[in-house]
């Protein structure tokens, strides 16, 4: 296949601030929290709350948290996402020589969605597969990514042919990669008293009005537990990262850890199957903040099992997903 007719793959994740400082966090939070898919409050009221309250107050605090996980390569999410992009490009080149061009884009921040789409256009891609790295569909993440692609194409005279990966929560290769990562941890560190499978939360109201996200989270968790051979008393599904005062999906990860420690559970491990790459929510919220919560409540052993990141079995799963969704294009 000629390079000018390569199939474009837009690899998408949530995003990250450009730096771990307050000005960068102000820019990032304004873009992220202004998205109607994320916060659907009336715009005029929300503008005041966001710009006069949340952004000024949260930016310095969030910057301090980002500094705890920032690396020499910058944001962990961005650094890992670039490794995933490069690994996918190499794997697709082996599987389908000369057929694919993979570009990275973040829903919020940089590299931006317009930049990613423009790079594919400049490469001559007439067909584009959008792959949001959210295994479980949610209107606040996956659908928001689709919105952003549509926004980019509003002014495009010559639109590419588009396909979208809605979710891959029950994909066999994805589940196998998750199971392998947990098996490796258990083999190295022993089987914990309880394995928590913690997913990013959404408001309960979103689910009540049609968002299937928690159903897909439970399906992933049950498939993973079955693959691992765990009985029901050995694992739990929980939700983390709630924001604001309204009820979010439960049980909450932090409250569950407190409760388990109070019940005498001494050894827990946590995996986060909904995160394709380690980021603030896994490295700081889970591995630091929630670790402290469990240990201070009386727990003795806590470990976080890393996200799939650029593991070879994860890249193989994503390569297979791309191949299936591009059937007929090459």
C-alpha atoms as a PDB file:
ATOM      1  CA  UNK A   1       0.000   0.000   0.000  1.00  0.00           C
ATOM      2  CA  UNK A   2       1.348   3.429  -0.925  1.00  0.00           C
ATOM      3  CA  UNK A   3       2.208   5.658   2.044  1.00  0.00           C
ATOM      4  CA  UNK A   4      -0.241   8.248   0.723  1.00  0.00           C
ATOM      5  CA  UNK A   5      -3.101   5.791   1.207  1.00  0.00           C
ATOM      6  CA  UNK A   6      -2.133   4.514   4.625  1.00  0.00           C
ATOM      7  CA  UNK A   7      -4.934   3.883   7.106  1.00  0.00           C
ATOM      8  CA  UNK A   8      -4.780   6.392   9.922  1.00  0.00           C
ATOM      9  CA  UNK A   9      -5.190   5.338  13.537  1.00  0.00           C
ATOM     10  CA  UNK A  10      -5.922   8.129  15.989  1.00  0.00           C
ATOM     11  CA  UNK A  11      -4.897   6.790  19.387  1.00  0.00           C
ATOM     12  CA  UNK A  12      -6.715   8.869  22.020  1.00  0.00           C
ATOM     13  CA  UNK A  13      -6.525   9.265  25.763  1.00  0.00           C
ATOM     14  CA  UNK A  14      -7.906  11.766  28.249  1.00  0.00           C
ATOM     15  CA  UNK A  15      -5.019  14.195  28.511  1.00  0.00           C
ATOM     16  CA  UNK A  16      -2.639  15.877  30.894  1.00  0.00           C
ATOM     17  CA  UNK A  17      -1.416  19.370  31.759  1.00  0.00           C
ATOM     18  CA  UNK A  18       1.712  20.564  29.992  1.00  0.00           C
ATOM     19  CA  UNK A  19       3.534  21.114  33.283  1.00  0.00           C
ATOM     20  CA  UNK A  20       2.990  20.435  36.991  1.00  0.00           C
ATOM     21  CA  UNK A  21       2.314  24.055  37.838  1.00  0.00           C
ATOM     22  CA  UNK A  22      -0.740  26.190  38.533  1.00  0.00           C
ATOM     23  CA  UNK A  23      -0.898  28.040  35.169  1.00  0.00           C
ATOM     24  CA  UNK A  24      -0.831  24.755  33.231  1.00  0.00           C
ATOM     25  CA  UNK A  25      -3.444  23.247  35.526  1.00  0.00           C
ATOM     26  CA  UNK A  26      -5.702  26.269  35.066  1.00  0.00           C
ATOM     27  CA  UNK A  27      -5.630  25.783  31.298  1.00  0.00           C
ATOM     28  CA  UNK A  28      -6.175  22.054  31.578  1.00  0.00           C
ATOM     29  CA  UNK A  29      -8.993  22.185  34.127  1.00  0.00           C
ATOM     30  CA  UNK A  30     -10.867  24.854  32.191  1.00  0.00           C
ATOM     31  CA  UNK A  31     -10.828  22.731  29.053  1.00  0.00           C
ATOM     32  CA  UNK A  32     -11.599  19.456  30.827  1.00  0.00           C
ATOM     33  CA  UNK A  33     -14.359  20.640  33.151  1.00  0.00           C
ATOM     34  CA  UNK A  34     -16.046  22.850  30.556  1.00  0.00           C
ATOM     35  CA  UNK A  35     -16.907  19.766  28.493  1.00  0.00           C
ATOM     36  CA  UNK A  36     -20.683  19.219  28.716  1.00  0.00           C
ATOM     37  CA  UNK A  37     -20.114  15.476  28.625  1.00  0.00           C
ATOM     38  CA  UNK A  38     -18.119  15.747  31.851  1.00  0.00           C
ATOM     39  CA  UNK A  39     -20.205  18.333  33.712  1.00  0.00           C
ATOM     40  CA  UNK A  40     -23.687  18.968  32.339  1.00  0.00           C
ATOM     41  CA  UNK A  41     -24.781  21.787  34.630  1.00  0.00           C
ATOM     42  CA  UNK A  42     -26.401  24.914  33.094  1.00  0.00           C
ATOM     43  CA  UNK A  43     -23.603  26.784  31.330  1.00  0.00           C
ATOM     44  CA  UNK A  44     -23.944  30.245  32.871  1.00  0.00           C
ATOM     45  CA  UNK A  45     -24.018  28.912  36.431  1.00  0.00           C
ATOM     46  CA  UNK A  46     -21.256  26.420  35.750  1.00  0.00           C
ATOM     47  CA  UNK A  47     -19.043  29.119  34.160  1.00  0.00           C
ATOM     48  CA  UNK A  48     -19.147  31.077  37.407  1.00  0.00           C
ATOM     49  CA  UNK A  49     -18.499  28.030  39.590  1.00  0.00           C
ATOM     50  CA  UNK A  50     -15.698  26.792  37.370  1.00  0.00           C
ATOM     51  CA  UNK A  51     -13.837  30.035  36.767  1.00  0.00           C
ATOM     52  CA  UNK A  52     -14.448  31.776  40.089  1.00  0.00           C
ATOM     53  CA  UNK A  53     -14.215  28.781  42.400  1.00  0.00           C
ATOM     54  CA  UNK A  54     -12.957  25.450  41.143  1.00  0.00           C
ATOM     55  CA  UNK A  55     -10.111  26.512  38.840  1.00  0.00           C
ATOM     56  CA  UNK A  56      -8.502  29.040  41.216  1.00  0.00           C
ATOM     57  CA  UNK A  57      -8.791  26.691  44.190  1.00  0.00           C
ATOM     58  CA  UNK A  58      -7.937  23.366  42.561  1.00  0.00           C
ATOM     59  CA  UNK A  59      -5.105  24.433  40.256  1.00  0.00           C
ATOM     60  CA  UNK A  60      -2.393  24.812  42.948  1.00  0.00           C
ATOM     61  CA  UNK A  61      -3.556  21.655  44.738  1.00  0.00           C
ATOM     62  CA  UNK A  62      -3.677  19.613  41.539  1.00  0.00           C
ATOM     63  CA  UNK A  63      -0.266  20.931  40.496  1.00  0.00           C
ATOM     64  CA  UNK A  64       1.193  19.716  43.784  1.00  0.00           C
ATOM     65  CA  UNK A  65      -0.266  16.255  43.160  1.00  0.00           C
ATOM     66  CA  UNK A  66       1.108  16.133  39.630  1.00  0.00           C
ATOM     67  CA  UNK A  67       4.567  17.033  40.929  1.00  0.00           C
ATOM     68  CA  UNK A  68       4.476  13.837  43.016  1.00  0.00           C
ATOM     69  CA  UNK A  69       4.265  11.676  39.880  1.00  0.00           C
ATOM     70  CA  UNK A  70       5.990  13.847  37.243  1.00  0.00           C
ATOM     71  CA  UNK A  71       8.965  12.175  35.586  1.00  0.00           C
ATOM     72  CA  UNK A  72      12.044  13.193  33.638  1.00  0.00           C
ATOM     73  CA  UNK A  73       9.970  12.449  30.520  1.00  0.00           C
ATOM     74  CA  UNK A  74       7.123  14.656  31.751  1.00  0.00           C
ATOM     75  CA  UNK A  75       3.608  13.507  32.534  1.00  0.00           C
ATOM     76  CA  UNK A  76       3.439   9.723  33.053  1.00  0.00           C
ATOM     77  CA  UNK A  77       0.281   9.495  30.953  1.00  0.00           C
ATOM     78  CA  UNK A  78       1.848  11.294  28.007  1.00  0.00           C
ATOM     79  CA  UNK A  79       5.160   9.441  28.234  1.00  0.00           C
ATOM     80  CA  UNK A  80       3.424   6.052  28.363  1.00  0.00           C
ATOM     81  CA  UNK A  81       0.969   7.004  25.602  1.00  0.00           C
ATOM     82  CA  UNK A  82       3.893   7.871  23.316  1.00  0.00           C
ATOM     83  CA  UNK A  83       5.440   4.476  24.037  1.00  0.00           C
ATOM     84  CA  UNK A  84       2.096   2.846  23.199  1.00  0.00           C
ATOM     85  CA  UNK A  85       1.912   4.801  19.949  1.00  0.00           C
ATOM     86  CA  UNK A  86       5.414   3.748  18.946  1.00  0.00           C
ATOM     87  CA  UNK A  87       4.853   0.129  19.927  1.00  0.00           C
ATOM     88  CA  UNK A  88       1.563  -0.007  18.019  1.00  0.00           C
ATOM     89  CA  UNK A  89       3.172   1.512  14.940  1.00  0.00           C
ATOM     90  CA  UNK A  90       5.898  -1.134  15.066  1.00  0.00           C
ATOM     91  CA  UNK A  91       3.441  -4.001  15.663  1.00  0.00           C
ATOM     92  CA  UNK A  92       1.141  -2.907  12.842  1.00  0.00           C
ATOM     93  CA  UNK A  93       4.121  -2.593  10.524  1.00  0.00           C
ATOM     94  CA  UNK A  94       4.966  -6.226  11.214  1.00  0.00           C
ATOM     95  CA  UNK A  95       1.363  -7.404  10.833  1.00  0.00           C
ATOM     96  CA  UNK A  96       0.453  -5.194   7.850  1.00  0.00           C
ATOM     97  CA  UNK A  97       3.585  -3.668   6.292  1.00  0.00           C
ATOM     98  CA  UNK A  98       3.134  -0.123   5.031  1.00  0.00           C
ATOM     99  CA  UNK A  99      -0.601  -0.048   5.774  1.00  0.00           C
ATOM    100  CA  UNK A 100      -0.951   2.058   8.922  1.00  0.00           C
ATOM    101  CA  UNK A 101       0.012   5.422  10.361  1.00  0.00           C
ATOM    102  CA  UNK A 102      -0.579   5.837  14.120  1.00  0.00           C
ATOM    103  CA  UNK A 103      -0.886   9.287  15.670  1.00  0.00           C
ATOM    104  CA  UNK A 104      -1.509  10.237  19.281  1.00  0.00           C
ATOM    105  CA  UNK A 105      -4.088  12.766  20.479  1.00  0.00           C
ATOM    106  CA  UNK A 106      -5.408  13.856  23.849  1.00  0.00           C
ATOM    107  CA  UNK A 107      -9.007  14.882  24.413  1.00  0.00           C
ATOM    108  CA  UNK A 108      -7.767  17.743  26.592  1.00  0.00           C
ATOM    109  CA  UNK A 109      -4.327  19.295  26.389  1.00  0.00           C
ATOM    110  CA  UNK A 110      -1.532  18.300  24.035  1.00  0.00           C
ATOM    111  CA  UNK A 111      -1.027  16.747  21.567  1.00  0.00           C
ATOM    112  CA  UNK A 112      -4.501  17.998  20.731  1.00  0.00           C
ATOM    113  CA  UNK A 113      -7.240  16.329  18.732  1.00  0.00           C
ATOM    114  CA  UNK A 114      -6.884  18.872  15.886  1.00  0.00           C
ATOM    115  CA  UNK A 115      -3.129  18.230  15.810  1.00  0.00           C
ATOM    116  CA  UNK A 116      -3.608  14.466  15.653  1.00  0.00           C
ATOM    117  CA  UNK A 117      -6.172  14.638  12.870  1.00  0.00           C
ATOM    118  CA  UNK A 118      -4.040  17.117  10.941  1.00  0.00           C
ATOM    119  CA  UNK A 119      -1.028  14.811  11.165  1.00  0.00           C
ATOM    120  CA  UNK A 120      -3.061  11.984   9.642  1.00  0.00           C
ATOM    121  CA  UNK A 121      -4.339  14.284   6.924  1.00  0.00           C
ATOM    122  CA  UNK A 122      -0.811  15.463   6.146  1.00  0.00           C
ATOM    123  CA  UNK A 123       0.233  11.804   5.867  1.00  0.00           C
ATOM    124  CA  UNK A 124      -2.428  11.320   3.187  1.00  0.00           C
ATOM    125  CA  UNK A 125      -4.709   9.062   5.239  1.00  0.00           C
ATOM    126  CA  UNK A 126      -8.132   8.803   3.574  1.00  0.00           C
ATOM    127  CA  UNK A 127      -9.450   6.322   6.123  1.00  0.00           C
ATOM    128  CA  UNK A 128      -9.186   6.898   9.870  1.00  0.00           C
ATOM    129  CA  UNK A 129      -9.924   4.630  12.808  1.00  0.00           C
ATOM    130  CA  UNK A 130     -10.441   6.474  16.094  1.00  0.00           C
ATOM    131  CA  UNK A 131      -9.320   4.333  19.031  1.00  0.00           C
ATOM    132  CA  UNK A 132     -10.075   5.867  22.446  1.00  0.00           C
ATOM    133  CA  UNK A 133      -8.020   4.019  25.048  1.00  0.00           C
ATOM    134  CA  UNK A 134     -11.066   3.559  27.282  1.00  0.00           C
ATOM    135  CA  UNK A 135     -11.914  -0.165  27.382  1.00  0.00           C
ATOM    136  CA  UNK A 136     -15.318   0.577  28.929  1.00  0.00           C
ATOM    137  CA  UNK A 137     -17.594   3.003  27.084  1.00  0.00           C
ATOM    138  CA  UNK A 138     -18.818   6.115  28.885  1.00  0.00           C
ATOM    139  CA  UNK A 139     -20.505   9.200  27.538  1.00  0.00           C
ATOM    140  CA  UNK A 140     -18.074  11.331  29.575  1.00  0.00           C
ATOM    141  CA  UNK A 141     -14.974   9.795  27.986  1.00  0.00           C
ATOM    142  CA  UNK A 142     -15.570   7.790  24.795  1.00  0.00           C
ATOM    143  CA  UNK A 143     -18.487   9.853  23.494  1.00  0.00           C
ATOM    144  CA  UNK A 144     -16.635  13.046  24.341  1.00  0.00           C
ATOM    145  CA  UNK A 145     -13.749  11.855  22.161  1.00  0.00           C
ATOM    146  CA  UNK A 146     -16.149  11.273  19.292  1.00  0.00           C
ATOM    147  CA  UNK A 147     -17.547  14.775  19.837  1.00  0.00           C
ATOM    148  CA  UNK A 148     -14.051  16.216  19.572  1.00  0.00           C
ATOM    149  CA  UNK A 149     -13.360  14.402  16.299  1.00  0.00           C
ATOM    150  CA  UNK A 150     -16.621  15.717  14.896  1.00  0.00           C
ATOM    151  CA  UNK A 151     -15.710  19.236  15.989  1.00  0.00           C
ATOM    152  CA  UNK A 152     -12.384  18.993  14.166  1.00  0.00           C
ATOM    153  CA  UNK A 153     -14.088  17.834  10.981  1.00  0.00           C
ATOM    154  CA  UNK A 154     -16.717  20.587  10.993  1.00  0.00           C
ATOM    155  CA  UNK A 155     -14.457  22.764   8.846  1.00  0.00           C
ATOM    156  CA  UNK A 156     -12.921  19.944   6.805  1.00  0.00           C
ATOM    157  CA  UNK A 157     -13.651  20.139   3.070  1.00  0.00           C
ATOM    158  CA  UNK A 158     -12.413  16.620   2.325  1.00  0.00           C
ATOM    159  CA  UNK A 159     -13.423  14.355   5.199  1.00  0.00           C
ATOM    160  CA  UNK A 160     -11.764  10.978   5.659  1.00  0.00           C
ATOM    161  CA  UNK A 161     -13.797   7.816   5.919  1.00  0.00           C
ATOM    162  CA  UNK A 162     -14.221   7.245   9.657  1.00  0.00           C
ATOM    163  CA  UNK A 163     -14.628   4.291  11.962  1.00  0.00           C
ATOM    164  CA  UNK A 164     -14.741   4.337  15.761  1.00  0.00           C
ATOM    165  CA  UNK A 165     -13.897   1.788  18.432  1.00  0.00           C
ATOM    166  CA  UNK A 166     -16.738   2.203  20.909  1.00  0.00           C
ATOM    167  CA  UNK A 167     -15.320  -0.117  23.579  1.00  0.00           C
ATOM    168  CA  UNK A 168     -13.359  -3.320  24.080  1.00  0.00           C
ATOM    169  CA  UNK A 169     -14.338  -4.164  27.651  1.00  0.00           C
ATOM    170  CA  UNK A 170     -14.888  -7.863  26.913  1.00  0.00           C
ATOM    171  CA  UNK A 171     -12.186  -8.377  24.293  1.00  0.00           C
ATOM    172  CA  UNK A 172     -10.500 -11.738  24.879  1.00  0.00           C
ATOM    173  CA  UNK A 173      -6.946 -10.507  24.321  1.00  0.00           C
ATOM    174  CA  UNK A 174      -7.490  -7.487  26.580  1.00  0.00           C
ATOM    175  CA  UNK A 175      -8.855  -9.706  29.370  1.00  0.00           C
ATOM    176  CA  UNK A 176      -5.953 -12.132  28.872  1.00  0.00           C
ATOM    177  CA  UNK A 177      -3.425  -9.285  29.175  1.00  0.00           C
ATOM    178  CA  UNK A 178      -5.078  -8.080  32.388  1.00  0.00           C
ATOM    179  CA  UNK A 179      -5.054 -11.603  33.794  1.00  0.00           C
ATOM    180  CA  UNK A 180      -1.395 -12.077  32.882  1.00  0.00           C
ATOM    181  CA  UNK A 181      -0.419  -8.870  34.670  1.00  0.00           C
ATOM    182  CA  UNK A 182      -2.268  -9.927  37.828  1.00  0.00           C
ATOM    183  CA  UNK A 183      -0.869 -13.478  37.675  1.00  0.00           C
ATOM    184  CA  UNK A 184       2.632 -12.039  37.446  1.00  0.00           C
ATOM    185  CA  UNK A 185       2.026  -9.908  40.518  1.00  0.00           C
ATOM    186  CA  UNK A 186       0.568 -12.802  42.496  1.00  0.00           C
ATOM    187  CA  UNK A 187       3.500 -15.000  41.496  1.00  0.00           C
ATOM    188  CA  UNK A 188       5.990 -12.387  42.659  1.00  0.00           C
ATOM    189  CA  UNK A 189       4.229 -11.048  45.759  1.00  0.00           C
ATOM    190  CA  UNK A 190       1.771 -13.744  46.792  1.00  0.00           C
ATOM    191  CA  UNK A 191      -2.023 -13.867  46.629  1.00  0.00           C
ATOM    192  CA  UNK A 192      -3.635 -11.029  48.621  1.00  0.00           C
ATOM    193  CA  UNK A 193      -6.561 -11.442  50.974  1.00  0.00           C
ATOM    194  CA  UNK A 194      -8.589  -9.295  48.586  1.00  0.00           C
ATOM    195  CA  UNK A 195      -8.123  -8.007  45.044  1.00  0.00           C
ATOM    196  CA  UNK A 196      -9.860  -4.699  44.343  1.00  0.00           C
ATOM    197  CA  UNK A 197     -10.682  -3.860  40.731  1.00  0.00           C
ATOM    198  CA  UNK A 198     -11.018  -0.097  40.819  1.00  0.00           C
ATOM    199  CA  UNK A 199     -12.547   1.848  37.925  1.00  0.00           C
ATOM    200  CA  UNK A 200     -12.917   5.591  37.448  1.00  0.00           C
ATOM    201  CA  UNK A 201     -16.353   6.657  38.641  1.00  0.00           C
ATOM    202  CA  UNK A 202     -19.114   8.685  37.037  1.00  0.00           C
ATOM    203  CA  UNK A 203     -22.188  10.278  38.652  1.00  0.00           C
ATOM    204  CA  UNK A 204     -24.914   7.719  39.364  1.00  0.00           C
ATOM    205  CA  UNK A 205     -27.269  10.059  37.517  1.00  0.00           C
ATOM    206  CA  UNK A 206     -25.405   9.369  34.269  1.00  0.00           C
ATOM    207  CA  UNK A 207     -26.101   5.651  34.599  1.00  0.00           C
ATOM    208  CA  UNK A 208     -29.719   6.259  35.545  1.00  0.00           C
ATOM    209  CA  UNK A 209     -30.186   8.250  32.323  1.00  0.00           C
ATOM    210  CA  UNK A 210     -28.661   5.631  30.049  1.00  0.00           C
ATOM    211  CA  UNK A 211     -24.876   5.475  30.343  1.00  0.00           C
ATOM    212  CA  UNK A 212     -23.872   1.756  30.270  1.00  0.00           C
ATOM    213  CA  UNK A 213     -20.445   2.349  31.805  1.00  0.00           C
ATOM    214  CA  UNK A 214     -20.914   0.537  35.147  1.00  0.00           C
ATOM    215  CA  UNK A 215     -22.381  -2.483  33.367  1.00  0.00           C
ATOM    216  CA  UNK A 216     -19.295  -2.722  31.172  1.00  0.00           C
ATOM    217  CA  UNK A 217     -17.027  -2.288  34.204  1.00  0.00           C
ATOM    218  CA  UNK A 218     -18.774  -5.181  35.936  1.00  0.00           C
ATOM    219  CA  UNK A 219     -18.526  -7.327  32.815  1.00  0.00           C
ATOM    220  CA  UNK A 220     -14.769  -6.684  32.623  1.00  0.00           C
ATOM    221  CA  UNK A 221     -14.322  -7.402  36.330  1.00  0.00           C
ATOM    222  CA  UNK A 222     -16.275 -10.646  36.190  1.00  0.00           C
ATOM    223  CA  UNK A 223     -14.430 -11.863  33.095  1.00  0.00           C
ATOM    224  CA  UNK A 224     -11.100 -11.045  34.728  1.00  0.00           C
ATOM    225  CA  UNK A 225     -12.030 -12.743  38.007  1.00  0.00           C
ATOM    226  CA  UNK A 226     -13.138 -15.838  36.087  1.00  0.00           C
ATOM    227  CA  UNK A 227      -9.911 -15.860  34.081  1.00  0.00           C
ATOM    228  CA  UNK A 228      -7.953 -15.628  37.341  1.00  0.00           C
ATOM    229  CA  UNK A 229     -10.023 -18.364  38.972  1.00  0.00           C
ATOM    230  CA  UNK A 230     -11.015 -16.104  41.887  1.00  0.00           C
ATOM    231  CA  UNK A 231     -14.027 -16.895  44.034  1.00  0.00           C
ATOM    232  CA  UNK A 232     -16.448 -14.077  44.862  1.00  0.00           C
ATOM    233  CA  UNK A 233     -14.987 -13.553  48.322  1.00  0.00           C
ATOM    234  CA  UNK A 234     -11.525 -12.846  46.911  1.00  0.00           C
ATOM    235  CA  UNK A 235     -12.266  -9.784  44.798  1.00  0.00           C
ATOM    236  CA  UNK A 236     -14.379  -6.623  44.708  1.00  0.00           C
ATOM    237  CA  UNK A 237     -15.427  -4.041  42.117  1.00  0.00           C
ATOM    238  CA  UNK A 238     -15.016  -0.434  43.312  1.00  0.00           C
ATOM    239  CA  UNK A 239     -15.046   3.093  41.868  1.00  0.00           C
ATOM    240  CA  UNK A 240     -12.629   5.954  42.451  1.00  0.00           C
ATOM    241  CA  UNK A 241     -11.976   9.611  41.552  1.00  0.00           C
ATOM    242  CA  UNK A 242     -15.359  11.085  42.420  1.00  0.00           C
ATOM    243  CA  UNK A 243     -15.796  14.833  42.017  1.00  0.00           C
ATOM    244  CA  UNK A 244     -18.392  17.175  43.470  1.00  0.00           C
ATOM    245  CA  UNK A 245     -21.200  16.549  45.945  1.00  0.00           C
ATOM    246  CA  UNK A 246     -23.666  14.363  44.053  1.00  0.00           C
ATOM    247  CA  UNK A 247     -23.641  10.581  44.397  1.00  0.00           C
ATOM    248  CA  UNK A 248     -21.212   8.708  42.150  1.00  0.00           C
ATOM    249  CA  UNK A 249     -20.985   5.011  41.377  1.00  0.00           C
ATOM    250  CA  UNK A 250     -20.433   2.899  44.488  1.00  0.00           C
ATOM    251  CA  UNK A 251     -18.811   1.276  46.354  1.00  0.00           C
ATOM    252  CA  UNK A 252     -16.119   3.948  46.608  1.00  0.00           C
ATOM    253  CA  UNK A 253     -12.554   2.627  46.541  1.00  0.00           C
ATOM    254  CA  UNK A 254     -11.304   4.706  49.479  1.00  0.00           C
ATOM    255  CA  UNK A 255     -14.285   3.887  51.703  1.00  0.00           C
ATOM    256  CA  UNK A 256     -13.951   0.193  50.819  1.00  0.00           C
ATOM    257  CA  UNK A 257     -10.304   0.159  51.864  1.00  0.00           C
ATOM    258  CA  UNK A 258     -11.196   1.707  55.213  1.00  0.00           C
ATOM    259  CA  UNK A 259     -13.945  -0.846  55.718  1.00  0.00           C
ATOM    260  CA  UNK A 260     -11.758  -3.811  54.772  1.00  0.00           C
ATOM    261  CA  UNK A 261      -9.036  -2.743  57.184  1.00  0.00           C
ATOM    262  CA  UNK A 262     -11.633  -2.328  59.947  1.00  0.00           C
ATOM    263  CA  UNK A 263     -12.851  -5.874  59.232  1.00  0.00           C
ATOM    264  CA  UNK A 264      -9.352  -7.228  59.754  1.00  0.00           C
ATOM    265  CA  UNK A 265      -8.260  -7.613  56.128  1.00  0.00           C
ATOM    266  CA  UNK A 266      -4.499  -7.105  56.196  1.00  0.00           C
ATOM    267  CA  UNK A 267      -3.327  -7.671  52.627  1.00  0.00           C
ATOM    268  CA  UNK A 268      -4.885  -6.075  49.530  1.00  0.00           C
ATOM    269  CA  UNK A 269      -3.870  -5.571  45.937  1.00  0.00           C
ATOM    270  CA  UNK A 270      -5.521  -3.122  43.553  1.00  0.00           C
ATOM    271  CA  UNK A 271      -5.674  -3.212  39.778  1.00  0.00           C
ATOM    272  CA  UNK A 272      -7.345  -0.542  37.637  1.00  0.00           C
ATOM    273  CA  UNK A 273      -8.555  -2.288  34.457  1.00  0.00           C
ATOM    274  CA  UNK A 274     -10.199   0.858  33.048  1.00  0.00           C
ATOM    275  CA  UNK A 275      -6.907   2.756  32.822  1.00  0.00           C
ATOM    276  CA  UNK A 276      -4.867   1.812  29.757  1.00  0.00           C
ATOM    277  CA  UNK A 277      -1.905   3.865  30.991  1.00  0.00           C
ATOM    278  CA  UNK A 278      -0.738   4.861  34.431  1.00  0.00           C
ATOM    279  CA  UNK A 279      -1.555   8.440  35.342  1.00  0.00           C
ATOM    280  CA  UNK A 280      -2.366  10.717  38.277  1.00  0.00           C
ATOM    281  CA  UNK A 281      -5.436   8.650  39.193  1.00  0.00           C
ATOM    282  CA  UNK A 282      -3.427   5.434  39.518  1.00  0.00           C
ATOM    283  CA  UNK A 283       0.035   6.578  40.598  1.00  0.00           C
ATOM    284  CA  UNK A 284      -1.028   9.247  43.080  1.00  0.00           C
ATOM    285  CA  UNK A 285      -4.659   8.588  44.014  1.00  0.00           C
ATOM    286  CA  UNK A 286      -4.384   4.799  44.260  1.00  0.00           C
ATOM    287  CA  UNK A 287      -0.729   4.021  44.951  1.00  0.00           C
ATOM    288  CA  UNK A 288      -0.155   6.934  47.329  1.00  0.00           C
ATOM    289  CA  UNK A 289      -3.395   8.339  48.746  1.00  0.00           C
ATOM    290  CA  UNK A 290      -5.366   5.094  48.960  1.00  0.00           C
ATOM    291  CA  UNK A 291      -2.316   3.192  50.174  1.00  0.00           C
ATOM    292  CA  UNK A 292      -2.126   5.619  53.111  1.00  0.00           C
ATOM    293  CA  UNK A 293      -5.854   5.251  53.769  1.00  0.00           C
ATOM    294  CA  UNK A 294      -5.605   1.466  54.030  1.00  0.00           C
ATOM    295  CA  UNK A 295      -2.452   1.387  56.152  1.00  0.00           C
ATOM    296  CA  UNK A 296      -3.670   4.105  58.521  1.00  0.00           C
ATOM    297  CA  UNK A 297      -6.936   2.194  58.999  1.00  0.00           C
ATOM    298  CA  UNK A 298      -5.046  -0.896  60.178  1.00  0.00           C
ATOM    299  CA  UNK A 299      -4.103  -2.690  56.968  1.00  0.00           C
ATOM    300  CA  UNK A 300      -0.582  -4.068  56.700  1.00  0.00           C
ATOM    301  CA  UNK A 301       0.206  -4.835  53.066  1.00  0.00           C
ATOM    302  CA  UNK A 302      -0.955  -2.793  50.075  1.00  0.00           C
ATOM    303  CA  UNK A 303       0.187  -3.016  46.501  1.00  0.00           C
ATOM    304  CA  UNK A 304      -0.895  -1.459  43.254  1.00  0.00           C
ATOM    305  CA  UNK A 305      -0.707  -3.583  40.106  1.00  0.00           C
ATOM    306  CA  UNK A 306       0.441  -1.350  37.257  1.00  0.00           C
ATOM    307  CA  UNK A 307      -1.776  -0.574  34.278  1.00  0.00           C
ATOM    308  CA  UNK A 308      -1.128  -2.487  31.071  1.00  0.00           C
ATOM    309  CA  UNK A 309       0.809   0.479  29.653  1.00  0.00           C
ATOM    310  CA  UNK A 310       3.064  -0.689  26.787  1.00  0.00           C
ATOM    311  CA  UNK A 311       3.232  -4.359  27.798  1.00  0.00           C
ATOM    312  CA  UNK A 312       3.645  -6.541  24.721  1.00  0.00           C
ATOM    313  CA  UNK A 313       0.391  -8.447  25.370  1.00  0.00           C
ATOM    314  CA  UNK A 314      -1.486  -5.139  25.646  1.00  0.00           C
ATOM    315  CA  UNK A 315      -0.021  -3.951  22.346  1.00  0.00           C
ATOM    316  CA  UNK A 316      -0.948  -7.289  20.771  1.00  0.00           C
ATOM    317  CA  UNK A 317      -4.547  -6.886  21.985  1.00  0.00           C
ATOM    318  CA  UNK A 318      -4.783  -3.343  20.595  1.00  0.00           C
ATOM    319  CA  UNK A 319      -3.233  -4.472  17.306  1.00  0.00           C
ATOM    320  CA  UNK A 320      -5.882  -7.156  16.961  1.00  0.00           C
ATOM    321  CA  UNK A 321      -8.656  -4.694  17.787  1.00  0.00           C
ATOM    322  CA  UNK A 322      -7.378  -2.301  15.131  1.00  0.00           C
ATOM    323  CA  UNK A 323      -7.152  -5.093  12.574  1.00  0.00           C
ATOM    324  CA  UNK A 324     -10.749  -6.199  13.180  1.00  0.00           C
ATOM    325  CA  UNK A 325     -12.164  -2.681  12.980  1.00  0.00           C
ATOM    326  CA  UNK A 326     -10.265  -1.932   9.778  1.00  0.00           C
ATOM    327  CA  UNK A 327     -11.460  -5.071   8.021  1.00  0.00           C
ATOM    328  CA  UNK A 328     -12.038  -4.327   4.342  1.00  0.00           C
ATOM    329  CA  UNK A 329      -9.751  -1.304   4.324  1.00  0.00           C
ATOM    330  CA  UNK A 330      -6.560  -3.230   3.552  1.00  0.00           C
END
